[in-house]
Full PDB file with SEQRES, HELIX, SHEET, SSBOND, CRYST1, ORIGX, SCALE, CONECT and MASTER records, all heavy atoms in Angstrom:
SEQRES   1 A   35  LYS GLN ASP ILE MET LYS ALA ILE THR GLN LEU ILE THR          
SEQRES   2 A   35  PRO LEU GLN PRO TYR TYR SER ALA GLY LYS ALA ARG LEU          
SEQRES   3 A   35  GLU LEU GLY VAL THR GLY VAL GLY TYR                          
HELIX    1 AA1 GLN A    2  ILE A   12  1                                  11    
HELIX    2 AA2 THR A   13  TYR A   18  5                                   6    
CRYST1    1.000    1.000    1.000  90.00  90.00  90.00 P 1           1          
ORIGX1      1.000000  0.000000  0.000000        0.00000                         
ORIGX2      0.000000  1.000000  0.000000        0.00000                         
ORIGX3      0.000000  0.000000  1.000000        0.00000                         
SCALE1      1.000000  0.000000  0.000000        0.00000                         
SCALE2      0.000000  1.000000  0.000000        0.00000                         
SCALE3      0.000000  0.000000  1.000000        0.00000                         
ATOM      1  N   LYS A   1      11.835   5.111 -10.371  1.00  0.00           N  
ATOM      2  CA  LYS A   1      10.894   4.292  -9.603  1.00  0.00           C  
ATOM      3  C   LYS A   1       9.461   4.771  -9.780  1.00  0.00           C  
ATOM      4  O   LYS A   1       8.536   3.949  -9.894  1.00  0.00           O  
ATOM      5  CB  LYS A   1      11.285   4.303  -8.123  1.00  0.00           C  
ATOM      6  CG  LYS A   1      10.293   3.530  -7.266  1.00  0.00           C  
ATOM      7  CD  LYS A   1      10.679   3.417  -5.815  1.00  0.00           C  
ATOM      8  CE  LYS A   1       9.559   2.739  -5.038  1.00  0.00           C  
ATOM      9  NZ  LYS A   1       9.917   2.474  -3.636  1.00  0.00           N  
ATOM     10  N   GLN A   2       9.245   6.066  -9.795  1.00  0.00           N  
ATOM     11  CA  GLN A   2       7.884   6.572  -9.951  1.00  0.00           C  
ATOM     12  C   GLN A   2       7.275   6.141 -11.283  1.00  0.00           C  
ATOM     13  O   GLN A   2       6.080   5.844 -11.357  1.00  0.00           O  
ATOM     14  CB  GLN A   2       7.878   8.102  -9.819  1.00  0.00           C  
ATOM     15  CG  GLN A   2       8.106   8.594  -8.395  1.00  0.00           C  
ATOM     16  CD  GLN A   2       7.129   7.971  -7.403  1.00  0.00           C  
ATOM     17  OE1 GLN A   2       5.905   7.985  -7.615  1.00  0.00           O  
ATOM     18  NE2 GLN A   2       7.670   7.413  -6.325  1.00  0.00           N  
ATOM     19  N   ASP A   3       8.092   6.116 -12.332  1.00  0.00           N  
ATOM     20  CA  ASP A   3       7.595   5.633 -13.628  1.00  0.00           C  
ATOM     21  C   ASP A   3       7.175   4.162 -13.536  1.00  0.00           C  
ATOM     22  O   ASP A   3       6.171   3.756 -14.130  1.00  0.00           O  
ATOM     23  CB  ASP A   3       8.673   5.790 -14.699  1.00  0.00           C  
ATOM     24  CG  ASP A   3       8.954   7.239 -15.048  1.00  0.00           C  
ATOM     25  OD1 ASP A   3       8.067   8.088 -14.829  1.00  0.00           O  
ATOM     26  OD2 ASP A   3      10.066   7.519 -15.520  1.00  0.00           O  
ATOM     27  N   ILE A   4       7.948   3.372 -12.806  1.00  0.00           N  
ATOM     28  CA  ILE A   4       7.624   1.949 -12.650  1.00  0.00           C  
ATOM     29  C   ILE A   4       6.340   1.784 -11.846  1.00  0.00           C  
ATOM     30  O   ILE A   4       5.477   0.957 -12.180  1.00  0.00           O  
ATOM     31  CB  ILE A   4       8.798   1.210 -11.986  1.00  0.00           C  
ATOM     32  CG1 ILE A   4       9.962   1.081 -12.969  1.00  0.00           C  
ATOM     33  CG2 ILE A   4       8.379  -0.174 -11.501  1.00  0.00           C  
ATOM     34  CD1 ILE A   4       9.682   0.229 -14.192  1.00  0.00           C  
ATOM     35  N   MET A   5       6.177   2.569 -10.781  1.00  0.00           N  
ATOM     36  CA  MET A   5       4.944   2.512  -9.983  1.00  0.00           C  
ATOM     37  C   MET A   5       3.738   2.879 -10.859  1.00  0.00           C  
ATOM     38  O   MET A   5       2.689   2.233 -10.794  1.00  0.00           O  
ATOM     39  CB  MET A   5       5.055   3.467  -8.796  1.00  0.00           C  
ATOM     40  CG  MET A   5       6.220   3.206  -7.861  1.00  0.00           C  
ATOM     41  SD  MET A   5       5.943   1.899  -6.658  1.00  0.00           S  
ATOM     42  CE  MET A   5       5.092   2.815  -5.371  1.00  0.00           C  
ATOM     43  N   LYS A   6       3.912   3.914 -11.685  1.00  0.00           N  
ATOM     44  CA  LYS A   6       2.826   4.301 -12.589  1.00  0.00           C  
ATOM     45  C   LYS A   6       2.532   3.193 -13.593  1.00  0.00           C  
ATOM     46  O   LYS A   6       1.366   2.930 -13.923  1.00  0.00           O  
ATOM     47  CB  LYS A   6       3.200   5.581 -13.336  1.00  0.00           C  
ATOM     48  CG  LYS A   6       3.216   6.833 -12.483  1.00  0.00           C  
ATOM     49  CD  LYS A   6       3.661   8.034 -13.308  1.00  0.00           C  
ATOM     50  CE  LYS A   6       3.785   9.286 -12.449  1.00  0.00           C  
ATOM     51  NZ  LYS A   6       4.299  10.442 -13.250  1.00  0.00           N  
ATOM     52  N   ALA A   7       3.579   2.540 -14.100  1.00  0.00           N  
ATOM     53  CA  ALA A   7       3.391   1.488 -15.107  1.00  0.00           C  
ATOM     54  C   ALA A   7       2.565   0.337 -14.544  1.00  0.00           C  
ATOM     55  O   ALA A   7       1.722  -0.237 -15.255  1.00  0.00           O  
ATOM     56  CB  ALA A   7       4.745   0.993 -15.600  1.00  0.00           C  
ATOM     57  N   ILE A   8       2.795  -0.029 -13.298  1.00  0.00           N  
ATOM     58  CA  ILE A   8       1.995  -1.102 -12.698  1.00  0.00           C  
ATOM     59  C   ILE A   8       0.525  -0.704 -12.697  1.00  0.00           C  
ATOM     60  O   ILE A   8      -0.351  -1.487 -13.106  1.00  0.00           O  
ATOM     61  CB  ILE A   8       2.479  -1.403 -11.261  1.00  0.00           C  
ATOM     62  CG1 ILE A   8       3.919  -1.893 -11.269  1.00  0.00           C  
ATOM     63  CG2 ILE A   8       1.568  -2.444 -10.605  1.00  0.00           C  
ATOM     64  CD1 ILE A   8       4.527  -2.056  -9.884  1.00  0.00           C  
ATOM     65  N   THR A   9       0.238   0.512 -12.253  1.00  0.00           N  
ATOM     66  CA  THR A   9      -1.146   0.991 -12.236  1.00  0.00           C  
ATOM     67  C   THR A   9      -1.718   1.052 -13.645  1.00  0.00           C  
ATOM     68  O   THR A   9      -2.883   0.687 -13.889  1.00  0.00           O  
ATOM     69  CB  THR A   9      -1.220   2.371 -11.567  1.00  0.00           C  
ATOM     70  OG1 THR A   9      -0.811   2.250 -10.206  1.00  0.00           O  
ATOM     71  CG2 THR A   9      -2.625   2.935 -11.611  1.00  0.00           C  
ATOM     72  N   GLN A  10      -0.915   1.506 -14.603  1.00  0.00           N  
ATOM     73  CA  GLN A  10      -1.388   1.581 -15.989  1.00  0.00           C  
ATOM     74  C   GLN A  10      -1.683   0.204 -16.569  1.00  0.00           C  
ATOM     75  O   GLN A  10      -2.567   0.054 -17.416  1.00  0.00           O  
ATOM     76  CB  GLN A  10      -0.336   2.313 -16.833  1.00  0.00           C  
ATOM     77  CG  GLN A  10      -0.232   3.795 -16.516  1.00  0.00           C  
ATOM     78  CD  GLN A  10       1.091   4.416 -16.939  1.00  0.00           C  
ATOM     79  OE1 GLN A  10       2.030   3.727 -17.344  1.00  0.00           O  
ATOM     80  NE2 GLN A  10       1.188   5.734 -16.823  1.00  0.00           N  
ATOM     81  N   LEU A  11      -0.965  -0.802 -16.103  1.00  0.00           N  
ATOM     82  CA  LEU A  11      -1.186  -2.166 -16.583  1.00  0.00           C  
ATOM     83  C   LEU A  11      -2.406  -2.819 -15.946  1.00  0.00           C  
ATOM     84  O   LEU A  11      -3.128  -3.574 -16.613  1.00  0.00           O  
ATOM     85  CB  LEU A  11       0.052  -3.024 -16.306  1.00  0.00           C  
ATOM     86  CG  LEU A  11       1.215  -2.894 -17.278  1.00  0.00           C  
ATOM     87  CD1 LEU A  11       2.487  -3.469 -16.667  1.00  0.00           C  
ATOM     88  CD2 LEU A  11       0.900  -3.612 -18.589  1.00  0.00           C  
ATOM     89  N   ILE A  12      -2.638  -2.559 -14.655  1.00  0.00           N  
ATOM     90  CA  ILE A  12      -3.664  -3.328 -13.949  1.00  0.00           C  
ATOM     91  C   ILE A  12      -5.008  -2.610 -13.822  1.00  0.00           C  
ATOM     92  O   ILE A  12      -6.037  -3.277 -13.659  1.00  0.00           O  
ATOM     93  CB  ILE A  12      -3.181  -3.763 -12.551  1.00  0.00           C  
ATOM     94  CG1 ILE A  12      -2.916  -2.560 -11.652  1.00  0.00           C  
ATOM     95  CG2 ILE A  12      -1.935  -4.625 -12.675  1.00  0.00           C  
ATOM     96  CD1 ILE A  12      -2.436  -2.930 -10.257  1.00  0.00           C  
ATOM     97  N   THR A  13      -5.030  -1.284 -13.925  1.00  0.00           N  
ATOM     98  CA  THR A  13      -6.300  -0.586 -13.778  1.00  0.00           C  
ATOM     99  C   THR A  13      -7.326  -0.991 -14.836  1.00  0.00           C  
ATOM    100  O   THR A  13      -8.518  -1.126 -14.513  1.00  0.00           O  
ATOM    101  CB  THR A  13      -6.085   0.942 -13.794  1.00  0.00           C  
ATOM    102  OG1 THR A  13      -5.208   1.293 -12.715  1.00  0.00           O  
ATOM    103  CG2 THR A  13      -7.402   1.679 -13.632  1.00  0.00           C  
ATOM    104  N   PRO A  14      -6.949  -1.222 -16.110  1.00  0.00           N  
ATOM    105  CA  PRO A  14      -7.955  -1.664 -17.089  1.00  0.00           C  
ATOM    106  C   PRO A  14      -8.613  -2.996 -16.737  1.00  0.00           C  
ATOM    107  O   PRO A  14      -9.633  -3.353 -17.338  1.00  0.00           O  
ATOM    108  CB  PRO A  14      -7.147  -1.778 -18.389  1.00  0.00           C  
ATOM    109  CG  PRO A  14      -5.999  -0.843 -18.218  1.00  0.00           C  
ATOM    110  CD  PRO A  14      -5.646  -0.941 -16.766  1.00  0.00           C  
ATOM    111  N   LEU A  15      -8.074  -3.736 -15.765  1.00  0.00           N  
ATOM    112  CA  LEU A  15      -8.650  -5.021 -15.383  1.00  0.00           C  
ATOM    113  C   LEU A  15      -9.872  -4.879 -14.489  1.00  0.00           C  
ATOM    114  O   LEU A  15     -10.647  -5.830 -14.336  1.00  0.00           O  
ATOM    115  CB  LEU A  15      -7.591  -5.866 -14.653  1.00  0.00           C  
ATOM    116  CG  LEU A  15      -6.291  -6.142 -15.404  1.00  0.00           C  
ATOM    117  CD1 LEU A  15      -5.283  -6.835 -14.492  1.00  0.00           C  
ATOM    118  CD2 LEU A  15      -6.553  -6.980 -16.646  1.00  0.00           C  
ATOM    119  N   GLN A  16     -10.053  -3.729 -13.876  1.00  0.00           N  
ATOM    120  CA  GLN A  16     -11.077  -3.540 -12.840  1.00  0.00           C  
ATOM    121  C   GLN A  16     -12.471  -4.021 -13.264  1.00  0.00           C  
ATOM    122  O   GLN A  16     -13.156  -4.705 -12.487  1.00  0.00           O  
ATOM    123  CB  GLN A  16     -11.123  -2.073 -12.431  1.00  0.00           C  
ATOM    124  CG  GLN A  16     -12.017  -1.780 -11.224  1.00  0.00           C  
ATOM    125  CD  GLN A  16     -11.378  -2.188  -9.904  1.00  0.00           C  
ATOM    126  OE1 GLN A  16     -10.278  -1.768  -9.580  1.00  0.00           O  
ATOM    127  NE2 GLN A  16     -12.067  -3.002  -9.142  1.00  0.00           N  
ATOM    128  N   PRO A  17     -12.940  -3.722 -14.480  1.00  0.00           N  
ATOM    129  CA  PRO A  17     -14.299  -4.146 -14.838  1.00  0.00           C  
ATOM    130  C   PRO A  17     -14.467  -5.658 -15.000  1.00  0.00           C  
ATOM    131  O   PRO A  17     -15.614  -6.122 -15.112  1.00  0.00           O  
ATOM    132  CB  PRO A  17     -14.544  -3.434 -16.182  1.00  0.00           C  
ATOM    133  CG  PRO A  17     -13.515  -2.366 -16.265  1.00  0.00           C  
ATOM    134  CD  PRO A  17     -12.336  -2.871 -15.529  1.00  0.00           C  
ATOM    135  N   TYR A  18     -13.374  -6.403 -15.007  1.00  0.00           N  
ATOM    136  CA  TYR A  18     -13.460  -7.822 -15.339  1.00  0.00           C  
ATOM    137  C   TYR A  18     -13.417  -8.731 -14.106  1.00  0.00           C  
ATOM    138  O   TYR A  18     -13.342  -9.950 -14.235  1.00  0.00           O  
ATOM    139  CB  TYR A  18     -12.331  -8.185 -16.309  1.00  0.00           C  
ATOM    140  CG  TYR A  18     -12.429  -7.409 -17.607  1.00  0.00           C  
ATOM    141  CD1 TYR A  18     -11.694  -6.238 -17.800  1.00  0.00           C  
ATOM    142  CD2 TYR A  18     -13.300  -7.819 -18.615  1.00  0.00           C  
ATOM    143  CE1 TYR A  18     -11.797  -5.511 -18.969  1.00  0.00           C  
ATOM    144  CE2 TYR A  18     -13.412  -7.096 -19.791  1.00  0.00           C  
ATOM    145  CZ  TYR A  18     -12.659  -5.943 -19.964  1.00  0.00           C  
ATOM    146  OH  TYR A  18     -12.785  -5.210 -21.128  1.00  0.00           O  
ATOM    147  N   TYR A  19     -13.483  -8.149 -12.917  1.00  0.00           N  
ATOM    148  CA  TYR A  19     -13.571  -8.961 -11.705  1.00  0.00           C  
ATOM    149  C   TYR A  19     -15.010  -9.436 -11.511  1.00  0.00           C  
ATOM    150  O   TYR A  19     -15.973  -8.748 -11.865  1.00  0.00           O  
ATOM    151  CB  TYR A  19     -13.096  -8.158 -10.493  1.00  0.00           C  
ATOM    152  CG  TYR A  19     -11.594  -8.096 -10.378  1.00  0.00           C  
ATOM    153  CD1 TYR A  19     -10.875  -7.117 -11.056  1.00  0.00           C  
ATOM    154  CD2 TYR A  19     -10.892  -9.022  -9.618  1.00  0.00           C  
ATOM    155  CE1 TYR A  19      -9.490  -7.049 -10.971  1.00  0.00           C  
ATOM    156  CE2 TYR A  19      -9.507  -8.973  -9.527  1.00  0.00           C  
ATOM    157  CZ  TYR A  19      -8.812  -7.992 -10.204  1.00  0.00           C  
ATOM    158  OH  TYR A  19      -7.442  -7.939 -10.124  1.00  0.00           O  
ATOM    159  N   SER A  20     -15.132 -10.623 -10.943  1.00  0.00           N  
ATOM    160  CA  SER A  20     -16.449 -11.190 -10.665  1.00  0.00           C  
ATOM    161  C   SER A  20     -17.145 -10.407  -9.560  1.00  0.00           C  
ATOM    162  O   SER A  20     -16.530  -9.549  -8.898  1.00  0.00           O  
ATOM    163  CB  SER A  20     -16.299 -12.655 -10.259  1.00  0.00           C  
ATOM    164  OG  SER A  20     -15.463 -12.751  -9.097  1.00  0.00           O  
ATOM    165  N   ALA A  21     -18.398 -10.714  -9.327  1.00  0.00           N  
ATOM    166  CA  ALA A  21     -19.173  -9.969  -8.333  1.00  0.00           C  
ATOM    167  C   ALA A  21     -18.528 -10.031  -6.958  1.00  0.00           C  
ATOM    168  O   ALA A  21     -18.489  -9.036  -6.223  1.00  0.00           O  
ATOM    169  CB  ALA A  21     -20.602 -10.510  -8.285  1.00  0.00           C  
ATOM    170  N   GLY A  22     -18.000 -11.198  -6.598  1.00  0.00           N  
ATOM    171  CA  GLY A  22     -17.349 -11.362  -5.305  1.00  0.00           C  
ATOM    172  C   GLY A  22     -15.878 -11.023  -5.322  1.00  0.00           C  
ATOM    173  O   GLY A  22     -15.193 -11.206  -4.300  1.00  0.00           O  
ATOM    174  N   LYS A  23     -15.375 -10.563  -6.460  1.00  0.00           N  
ATOM    175  CA  LYS A  23     -13.985 -10.095  -6.651  1.00  0.00           C  
ATOM    176  C   LYS A  23     -12.942 -11.209  -6.562  1.00  0.00           C  
ATOM    177  O   LYS A  23     -11.741 -10.911  -6.570  1.00  0.00           O  
ATOM    178  CB  LYS A  23     -13.630  -8.993  -5.639  1.00  0.00           C  
ATOM    179  CG  LYS A  23     -14.634  -7.861  -5.546  1.00  0.00           C  
ATOM    180  CD  LYS A  23     -14.895  -7.210  -6.892  1.00  0.00           C  
ATOM    181  CE  LYS A  23     -15.892  -6.058  -6.762  1.00  0.00           C  
ATOM    182  NZ  LYS A  23     -16.266  -5.477  -8.077  1.00  0.00           N  
ATOM    183  N   ALA A  24     -13.344 -12.475  -6.502  1.00  0.00           N  
ATOM    184  CA  ALA A  24     -12.388 -13.582  -6.348  1.00  0.00           C  
ATOM    185  C   ALA A  24     -12.003 -14.221  -7.679  1.00  0.00           C  
ATOM    186  O   ALA A  24     -11.269 -15.218  -7.697  1.00  0.00           O  
ATOM    187  CB  ALA A  24     -12.958 -14.648  -5.415  1.00  0.00           C  
ATOM    188  N   ARG A  25     -12.509 -13.685  -8.769  1.00  0.00           N  
ATOM    189  CA  ARG A  25     -12.151 -14.184 -10.099  1.00  0.00           C  
ATOM    190  C   ARG A  25     -11.855 -12.986 -10.997  1.00  0.00           C  
ATOM    191  O   ARG A  25     -12.501 -11.938 -10.887  1.00  0.00           O  
ATOM    192  CB  ARG A  25     -13.287 -15.001 -10.745  1.00  0.00           C  
ATOM    193  CG  ARG A  25     -13.803 -16.187  -9.946  1.00  0.00           C  
ATOM    194  CD  ARG A  25     -12.822 -17.332  -9.930  1.00  0.00           C  
ATOM    195  NE  ARG A  25     -13.410 -18.551  -9.385  1.00  0.00           N  
ATOM    196  CZ  ARG A  25     -13.580 -18.809  -8.089  1.00  0.00           C  
ATOM    197  NH1 ARG A  25     -13.240 -17.897  -7.194  1.00  0.00           N  
ATOM    198  NH2 ARG A  25     -14.107 -19.950  -7.690  1.00  0.00           N  
ATOM    199  N   LEU A  26     -10.898 -13.162 -11.893  1.00  0.00           N  
ATOM    200  CA  LEU A  26     -10.632 -12.178 -12.940  1.00  0.00           C  
ATOM    201  C   LEU A  26     -10.920 -12.877 -14.259  1.00  0.00           C  
ATOM    202  O   LEU A  26     -10.221 -13.813 -14.637  1.00  0.00           O  
ATOM    203  CB  LEU A  26      -9.189 -11.687 -12.886  1.00  0.00           C  
ATOM    204  CG  LEU A  26      -8.784 -10.620 -13.910  1.00  0.00           C  
ATOM    205  CD1 LEU A  26      -9.654  -9.371 -13.776  1.00  0.00           C  
ATOM    206  CD2 LEU A  26      -7.315 -10.259 -13.770  1.00  0.00           C  
ATOM    207  N   GLU A  27     -11.966 -12.447 -14.940  1.00  0.00           N  
ATOM    208  CA  GLU A  27     -12.485 -13.156 -16.112  1.00  0.00           C  
ATOM    209  C   GLU A  27     -12.256 -12.298 -17.348  1.00  0.00           C  
ATOM    210  O   GLU A  27     -13.027 -11.388 -17.651  1.00  0.00           O  
ATOM    211  CB  GLU A  27     -13.962 -13.476 -15.894  1.00  0.00           C  
ATOM    212  CG  GLU A  27     -14.166 -14.378 -14.667  1.00  0.00           C  
ATOM    213  CD  GLU A  27     -15.597 -14.432 -14.160  1.00  0.00           C  
ATOM    214  OE1 GLU A  27     -16.377 -13.505 -14.500  1.00  0.00           O  
ATOM    215  OE2 GLU A  27     -15.934 -15.384 -13.445  1.00  0.00           O  
ATOM    216  N   LEU A  28     -11.176 -12.606 -18.077  1.00  0.00           N  
ATOM    217  CA  LEU A  28     -10.720 -11.751 -19.167  1.00  0.00           C  
ATOM    218  C   LEU A  28     -11.089 -12.257 -20.552  1.00  0.00           C  
ATOM    219  O   LEU A  28     -10.821 -11.564 -21.539  1.00  0.00           O  
ATOM    220  CB  LEU A  28      -9.201 -11.581 -19.082  1.00  0.00           C  
ATOM    221  CG  LEU A  28      -8.686 -10.862 -17.840  1.00  0.00           C  
ATOM    222  CD1 LEU A  28      -7.160 -10.825 -17.831  1.00  0.00           C  
ATOM    223  CD2 LEU A  28      -9.244  -9.446 -17.769  1.00  0.00           C  
ATOM    224  N   GLY A  29     -11.658 -13.438 -20.665  1.00  0.00           N  
ATOM    225  CA  GLY A  29     -11.969 -13.953 -21.993  1.00  0.00           C  
ATOM    226  C   GLY A  29     -12.597 -15.323 -21.910  1.00  0.00           C  
ATOM    227  O   GLY A  29     -12.804 -15.867 -20.819  1.00  0.00           O  
ATOM    228  N   VAL A  30     -12.868 -15.887 -23.076  1.00  0.00           N  
ATOM    229  CA  VAL A  30     -13.574 -17.171 -23.120  1.00  0.00           C  
ATOM    230  C   VAL A  30     -12.752 -18.262 -23.798  1.00  0.00           C  
ATOM    231  O   VAL A  30     -13.244 -19.383 -23.970  1.00  0.00           O  
ATOM    232  CB  VAL A  30     -14.934 -17.023 -23.844  1.00  0.00           C  
ATOM    233  CG1 VAL A  30     -15.850 -16.091 -23.072  1.00  0.00           C  
ATOM    234  CG2 VAL A  30     -14.739 -16.512 -25.283  1.00  0.00           C  
ATOM    235  N   THR A  31     -11.497 -17.959 -24.179  1.00  0.00           N  
ATOM    236  CA  THR A  31     -10.682 -19.013 -24.780  1.00  0.00           C  
ATOM    237  C   THR A  31     -10.391 -20.086 -23.741  1.00  0.00           C  
ATOM    238  O   THR A  31     -10.262 -19.819 -22.550  1.00  0.00           O  
ATOM    239  CB  THR A  31      -9.369 -18.452 -25.330  1.00  0.00           C  
ATOM    240  OG1 THR A  31      -8.690 -17.738 -24.303  1.00  0.00           O  
ATOM    241  CG2 THR A  31      -9.630 -17.517 -26.498  1.00  0.00           C  
ATOM    242  N   GLY A  32     -10.287 -21.331 -24.208  1.00  0.00           N  
ATOM    243  CA  GLY A  32     -10.159 -22.465 -23.302  1.00  0.00           C  
ATOM    244  C   GLY A  32      -8.760 -22.640 -22.754  1.00  0.00           C  
ATOM    245  O   GLY A  32      -7.776 -22.142 -23.288  1.00  0.00           O  
ATOM    246  N   VAL A  33      -8.682 -23.393 -21.651  1.00  0.00           N  
ATOM    247  CA  VAL A  33      -7.413 -23.728 -21.019  1.00  0.00           C  
ATOM    248  C   VAL A  33      -7.581 -25.096 -20.375  1.00  0.00           C  
ATOM    249  O   VAL A  33      -8.695 -25.493 -20.025  1.00  0.00           O  
ATOM    250  CB  VAL A  33      -7.022 -22.647 -19.985  1.00  0.00           C  
ATOM    251  CG1 VAL A  33      -7.989 -22.623 -18.810  1.00  0.00           C  
ATOM    252  CG2 VAL A  33      -5.595 -22.820 -19.515  1.00  0.00           C  
ATOM    253  N   GLY A  34      -6.483 -25.828 -20.224  1.00  0.00           N  
ATOM    254  CA  GLY A  34      -6.559 -27.215 -19.793  1.00  0.00           C  
ATOM    255  C   GLY A  34      -7.251 -27.429 -18.471  1.00  0.00           C  
ATOM    256  O   GLY A  34      -7.878 -28.467 -18.248  1.00  0.00           O  
ATOM    257  N   TYR A  35      -7.186 -26.457 -17.548  1.00  0.00           N  
ATOM    258  CA  TYR A  35      -7.757 -26.647 -16.216  1.00  0.00           C  
ATOM    259  C   TYR A  35      -9.117 -25.982 -16.047  1.00  0.00           C  
ATOM    260  O   TYR A  35      -9.643 -25.911 -14.942  1.00  0.00           O  
ATOM    261  CB  TYR A  35      -6.784 -26.149 -15.137  1.00  0.00           C  
ATOM    262  CG  TYR A  35      -6.025 -24.911 -15.514  1.00  0.00           C  
ATOM    263  CD1 TYR A  35      -6.580 -23.644 -15.378  1.00  0.00           C  
ATOM    264  CD2 TYR A  35      -4.744 -25.007 -16.028  1.00  0.00           C  
ATOM    265  CE1 TYR A  35      -5.886 -22.515 -15.743  1.00  0.00           C  
ATOM    266  CE2 TYR A  35      -4.028 -23.876 -16.390  1.00  0.00           C  
ATOM    267  CZ  TYR A  35      -4.602 -22.627 -16.242  1.00  0.00           C  
ATOM    268  OH  TYR A  35      -3.913 -21.507 -16.606  1.00  0.00           O  
TER     269      TYR A  35                                                      
MASTER        0    0    0    2    0    0    0    6  268    1    0    3          
END                                                                             
């Protein structure tokens, strides 16, 4: 279980710099999407 808990943190921590100023958006790229 501890390895799994660490894996979640290892997966999501690199996302921190990509949150918007108000933290309500996660902006990871500029490729298009239908919506």
